[in-house]
Amino acid sequence: MAIYDLEEQEKIDGLKTWWEAYGTLMIVVAATFIAGMAGVQAWNYYQRQQVEQAAELYASLRQVEAGGDPKKIGDAANLLMQGFPDSGYASRAALISAHASFEAGDIQSAKSRLQWTLDNTREDELKDLVRLRLAGILLDEQKYDDALRLLETKHGESFDGLYADLKGDVLTAAGKVAEARAAYRMALDKLGNKGTYHNIVQMKLDALAEAK
């Protein structure tokens, strides 16, 4: 029994020595771990709240959109753009506002919203779409070089036909017939040989057949 007590005492003394050396460190590590877990949970909760709030604002925007008032649409979009700029909802809100402004003849506001989307969205396909819309506006403004710069930006393969077609439109308007033909031919190649859109591009190319 005495031997047993002696062994137990040695274990206790060893634990005391170990605790004196490492006890404080273990408390710090444990506290840091617990705080980290709490921090992760708090961050996840915050993220969920942000998404829910953005979704609610976007739903409100769609209701306002039905009224067709570009100012109200713009104000609703601003709430998302300023409060939740990194969300996909904000980028789509900016596009909705841009469309409303364009339809109302406020071209500068439309361009501003499109540029905001281009600068803030993380979605490559959305960027590709925005460049097309901006280039179309620049074509209407006869800013051909600016439009071409946008259309020559690297983009997703699925947009090749659309980019080439609009590039053909810009080059045609700029009087660069040979280059326009090449762009339309590329568009036809990328779009395939069927469909209404393909036929429209073919008509554009045919219209340039006699041009010099």
Foldseek 3Di string as FASTA:
>chain_A
DVVVVVVVVVVVVVVVVVCVVCVVVVVVVVVVVVVVVVVVVVVVVVVVVLVVVLVVLLVVLVVVVVVLDLVVLVVSLVCCCVVPVQDPSNLVSLQSSLVSCVVVVNNVSNLVSLVSSCVGYPDQVSVLVSLLVNLVVCLVVLVLVVSVVSLPDDGDLLCQLVSLLSNLVSCVSVVNLVSSLVSLVSSLVSVDPDDPVNVVSVVVNVVSPPPD
